[in-house]
Every structure is written in structure tokens, then in C-alpha cells.
Amino acid sequence: MIERIDTGQRMSKIVKHNGVAYLCGQVGAGDSVTEQTTDCLARVQALLDKAGSSRDRILQAIVWLSDMDDFAEMNAVWDAWVPEGHAPARACGEAKLSRDVLKVEIIVTAACD
């Protein structure tokens, strides 16, 4: 069974299938990479909660930065957020994001109930 949560015309915020939650990409508010990453991860957390999952159940994360020079700044926030011993498989790359003011977008896949 496939369960879609918060579905609109273009996408669902969460799609659950066979014990896995696929979250839509999240961006955050703020001027700096630190602020945007912090807000972005708070949004990821809210979706994980809604999906019946948690940070220690993340299987994979894909991080897009508008500028790879921001890698260390983003990682400082990420490393503090991910529970020790529960780091997911992760990729990080540079991409042109949907709006010029965006500096980071994170896509998460997690085990769920």
C-alpha cells in the first residue's frame, strides 16, 4: 500500500511505502547557510514526526547547496542535528536551487512505522 500525506497537485510532502517514508525536499528561511540549514532540518523533523519516524531512523539524505563553499557551515549544523551513531547514507552536491535566495535543500528517506 502507498500512503500519500499532504498531497497537492504537484507533489506530496510524504509518501510512505513498505515501511519507508520519502520526504519532499525541504528548504529553510534565513539569510545565512546556518539559519537556512537549521530551519530546513526543523521542517524535516516535523515531517519525520508526521510520518511516524525520527532522526535516528533516517536511511538516506541528499543535500543540495547553491555553493559548495558553504559545505563546512552546513555540516556544522547537520553534525549537531544527527544523533551520534545514526548517520545516514548521504550525498551532497552543488545545484541551482529553485529561488536565488536559497542556499540549501535537503531530501530525506527514513524508516517509518
C-alpha atoms as a PDB file:
ATOM      1  CA  MET A   1       0.000   0.000   0.000  1.00  0.00           C
ATOM      2  CA  ILE A   2       1.178   3.514  -0.789  1.00  0.00           C
ATOM      3  CA  GLU A   3       0.148   6.311   1.575  1.00  0.00           C
ATOM      4  CA  ARG A   4       0.464   9.925   0.457  1.00  0.00           C
ATOM      5  CA  ILE A   5       0.388  12.673   3.078  1.00  0.00           C
ATOM      6  CA  ASP A   6      -0.239  16.374   2.422  1.00  0.00           C
ATOM      7  CA  THR A   7      -0.753  15.796  -1.273  1.00  0.00           C
ATOM      8  CA  GLY A   8      -1.210  18.673  -3.670  1.00  0.00           C
ATOM      9  CA  GLN A   9      -1.359  18.983  -7.432  1.00  0.00           C
ATOM     10  CA  ARG A  10       2.428  18.888  -7.850  1.00  0.00           C
ATOM     11  CA  MET A  11       3.668  16.657  -5.029  1.00  0.00           C
ATOM     12  CA  SER A  12       3.111  15.011  -1.686  1.00  0.00           C
ATOM     13  CA  LYS A  13       5.118  16.134   1.324  1.00  0.00           C
ATOM     14  CA  ILE A  14       5.446  12.494   2.421  1.00  0.00           C
ATOM     15  CA  VAL A  15       4.993   9.211   0.581  1.00  0.00           C
ATOM     16  CA  LYS A  16       5.071   6.029   2.676  1.00  0.00           C
ATOM     17  CA  HIS A  17       5.558   2.555   1.211  1.00  0.00           C
ATOM     18  CA  ASN A  18       6.730  -0.730   2.742  1.00  0.00           C
ATOM     19  CA  GLY A  19       7.947   0.868   5.976  1.00  0.00           C
ATOM     20  CA  VAL A  20       9.840   3.682   4.266  1.00  0.00           C
ATOM     21  CA  ALA A  21       8.952   7.393   4.282  1.00  0.00           C
ATOM     22  CA  TYR A  22      10.112   9.512   1.358  1.00  0.00           C
ATOM     23  CA  LEU A  23      10.085  13.206   2.231  1.00  0.00           C
ATOM     24  CA  CYS A  24       9.878  16.002  -0.299  1.00  0.00           C
ATOM     25  CA  GLY A  25      12.865  18.331  -0.451  1.00  0.00           C
ATOM     26  CA  GLN A  26      12.968  20.890   2.342  1.00  0.00           C
ATOM     27  CA  VAL A  27      14.396  24.388   2.302  1.00  0.00           C
ATOM     28  CA  GLY A  28      14.634  26.845   5.165  1.00  0.00           C
ATOM     29  CA  ALA A  29      14.240  30.523   5.917  1.00  0.00           C
ATOM     30  CA  GLY A  30      17.055  32.841   6.877  1.00  0.00           C
ATOM     31  CA  ASP A  31      19.906  34.807   5.402  1.00  0.00           C
ATOM     32  CA  SER A  32      22.830  32.523   6.222  1.00  0.00           C
ATOM     33  CA  VAL A  33      23.538  28.873   5.467  1.00  0.00           C
ATOM     34  CA  THR A  34      23.426  28.211   9.222  1.00  0.00           C
ATOM     35  CA  GLU A  35      19.963  29.771   9.560  1.00  0.00           C
ATOM     36  CA  GLN A  36      18.593  28.047   6.469  1.00  0.00           C
ATOM     37  CA  THR A  37      20.007  24.648   7.438  1.00  0.00           C
ATOM     38  CA  THR A  38      18.646  24.945  10.981  1.00  0.00           C
ATOM     39  CA  ASP A  39      15.175  25.848   9.718  1.00  0.00           C
ATOM     40  CA  CYS A  40      15.316  23.223   6.985  1.00  0.00           C
ATOM     41  CA  LEU A  41      16.154  20.480   9.497  1.00  0.00           C
ATOM     42  CA  ALA A  42      13.329  21.644  11.780  1.00  0.00           C
ATOM     43  CA  ARG A  43      10.986  21.155   8.812  1.00  0.00           C
ATOM     44  CA  VAL A  44      12.484  17.721   8.132  1.00  0.00           C
ATOM     45  CA  GLN A  45      11.911  16.861  11.810  1.00  0.00           C
ATOM     46  CA  ALA A  46       8.255  17.905  11.583  1.00  0.00           C
ATOM     47  CA  LEU A  47       7.753  15.683   8.521  1.00  0.00           C
ATOM     48  CA  LEU A  48       9.556  12.773  10.187  1.00  0.00           C
ATOM     49  CA  ASP A  49       7.234  13.130  13.189  1.00  0.00           C
ATOM     50  CA  LYS A  50       4.195  13.209  10.902  1.00  0.00           C
ATOM     51  CA  ALA A  51       5.460  10.100   9.070  1.00  0.00           C
ATOM     52  CA  GLY A  52       5.944   8.160  12.313  1.00  0.00           C
ATOM     53  CA  SER A  53       9.724   8.282  12.061  1.00  0.00           C
ATOM     54  CA  SER A  54      12.647  10.094  13.688  1.00  0.00           C
ATOM     55  CA  ARG A  55      16.188  11.342  13.140  1.00  0.00           C
ATOM     56  CA  ASP A  56      17.692   8.039  14.245  1.00  0.00           C
ATOM     57  CA  ARG A  57      15.729   6.218  11.521  1.00  0.00           C
ATOM     58  CA  ILE A  58      16.960   8.249   8.541  1.00  0.00           C
ATOM     59  CA  LEU A  59      18.268   5.929   5.855  1.00  0.00           C
ATOM     60  CA  GLN A  60      19.500   8.444   3.303  1.00  0.00           C
ATOM     61  CA  ALA A  61      19.868  12.187   2.919  1.00  0.00           C
ATOM     62  CA  ILE A  62      20.644  14.188  -0.185  1.00  0.00           C
ATOM     63  CA  VAL A  63      21.876  17.723   0.423  1.00  0.00           C
ATOM     64  CA  TRP A  64      21.971  20.343  -2.301  1.00  0.00           C
ATOM     65  CA  LEU A  65      23.954  23.520  -1.748  1.00  0.00           C
ATOM     66  CA  SER A  66      23.828  26.523  -4.045  1.00  0.00           C
ATOM     67  CA  ASP A  67      27.563  26.950  -3.386  1.00  0.00           C
ATOM     68  CA  MET A  68      29.913  24.172  -2.213  1.00  0.00           C
ATOM     69  CA  ASP A  69      31.923  26.843  -0.371  1.00  0.00           C
ATOM     70  CA  ASP A  70      29.103  26.577   2.233  1.00  0.00           C
ATOM     71  CA  PHE A  71      29.814  22.866   2.869  1.00  0.00           C
ATOM     72  CA  ALA A  72      31.544  23.324   6.247  1.00  0.00           C
ATOM     73  CA  GLU A  73      28.914  25.775   7.535  1.00  0.00           C
ATOM     74  CA  MET A  74      26.062  23.431   6.588  1.00  0.00           C
ATOM     75  CA  ASN A  75      27.900  20.433   8.089  1.00  0.00           C
ATOM     76  CA  ALA A  76      28.315  22.214  11.430  1.00  0.00           C
ATOM     77  CA  VAL A  77      24.521  22.348  11.757  1.00  0.00           C
ATOM     78  CA  TRP A  78      23.986  18.873  10.255  1.00  0.00           C
ATOM     79  CA  ASP A  79      26.535  17.189  12.552  1.00  0.00           C
ATOM     80  CA  ALA A  80      24.891  18.672  15.651  1.00  0.00           C
ATOM     81  CA  TRP A  81      21.428  17.558  14.460  1.00  0.00           C
ATOM     82  CA  VAL A  82      22.115  13.922  13.509  1.00  0.00           C
ATOM     83  CA  PRO A  83      22.107  11.615  16.550  1.00  0.00           C
ATOM     84  CA  GLU A  84      25.520  10.112  17.259  1.00  0.00           C
ATOM     85  CA  GLY A  85      25.826   6.644  15.792  1.00  0.00           C
ATOM     86  CA  HIS A  86      22.855   7.152  13.439  1.00  0.00           C
ATOM     87  CA  ALA A  87      24.396   8.963  10.475  1.00  0.00           C
ATOM     88  CA  PRO A  88      22.521   8.067   7.276  1.00  0.00           C
ATOM     89  CA  ALA A  89      23.971   7.387   3.859  1.00  0.00           C
ATOM     90  CA  ARG A  90      24.402  10.888   2.480  1.00  0.00           C
ATOM     91  CA  ALA A  91      25.339  12.743  -0.661  1.00  0.00           C
ATOM     92  CA  CYS A  92      25.984  16.458  -1.050  1.00  0.00           C
ATOM     93  CA  GLY A  93      26.279  18.391  -4.269  1.00  0.00           C
ATOM     94  CA  GLU A  94      26.016  21.842  -5.737  1.00  0.00           C
ATOM     95  CA  ALA A  95      22.908  22.821  -7.680  1.00  0.00           C
ATOM     96  CA  LYS A  96      20.966  25.846  -8.807  1.00  0.00           C
ATOM     97  CA  LEU A  97      18.042  25.868  -6.370  1.00  0.00           C
ATOM     98  CA  SER A  98      14.500  26.992  -7.173  1.00  0.00           C
ATOM     99  CA  ARG A  99      14.967  30.530  -5.839  1.00  0.00           C
ATOM    100  CA  ASP A 100      18.122  32.647  -5.811  1.00  0.00           C
ATOM    101  CA  VAL A 101      17.900  33.287  -2.042  1.00  0.00           C
ATOM    102  CA  LEU A 102      18.006  29.567  -1.217  1.00  0.00           C
ATOM    103  CA  LYS A 103      21.335  28.164  -0.082  1.00  0.00           C
ATOM    104  CA  VAL A 104      20.435  24.596   0.962  1.00  0.00           C
ATOM    105  CA  GLU A 105      17.832  21.924   0.239  1.00  0.00           C
ATOM    106  CA  ILE A 106      17.670  18.531   1.946  1.00  0.00           C
ATOM    107  CA  ILE A 107      15.839  15.401   0.802  1.00  0.00           C
ATOM    108  CA  VAL A 108      15.376  12.586   3.338  1.00  0.00           C
ATOM    109  CA  THR A 109      14.313   8.948   3.180  1.00  0.00           C
ATOM    110  CA  ALA A 110      13.624   7.223   6.512  1.00  0.00           C
ATOM    111  CA  ALA A 111      12.283   4.014   8.005  1.00  0.00           C
ATOM    112  CA  CYS A 112       8.819   4.527   9.494  1.00  0.00           C
ATOM    113  CA  ASP A 113       6.011   2.741  11.303  1.00  0.00           C
END
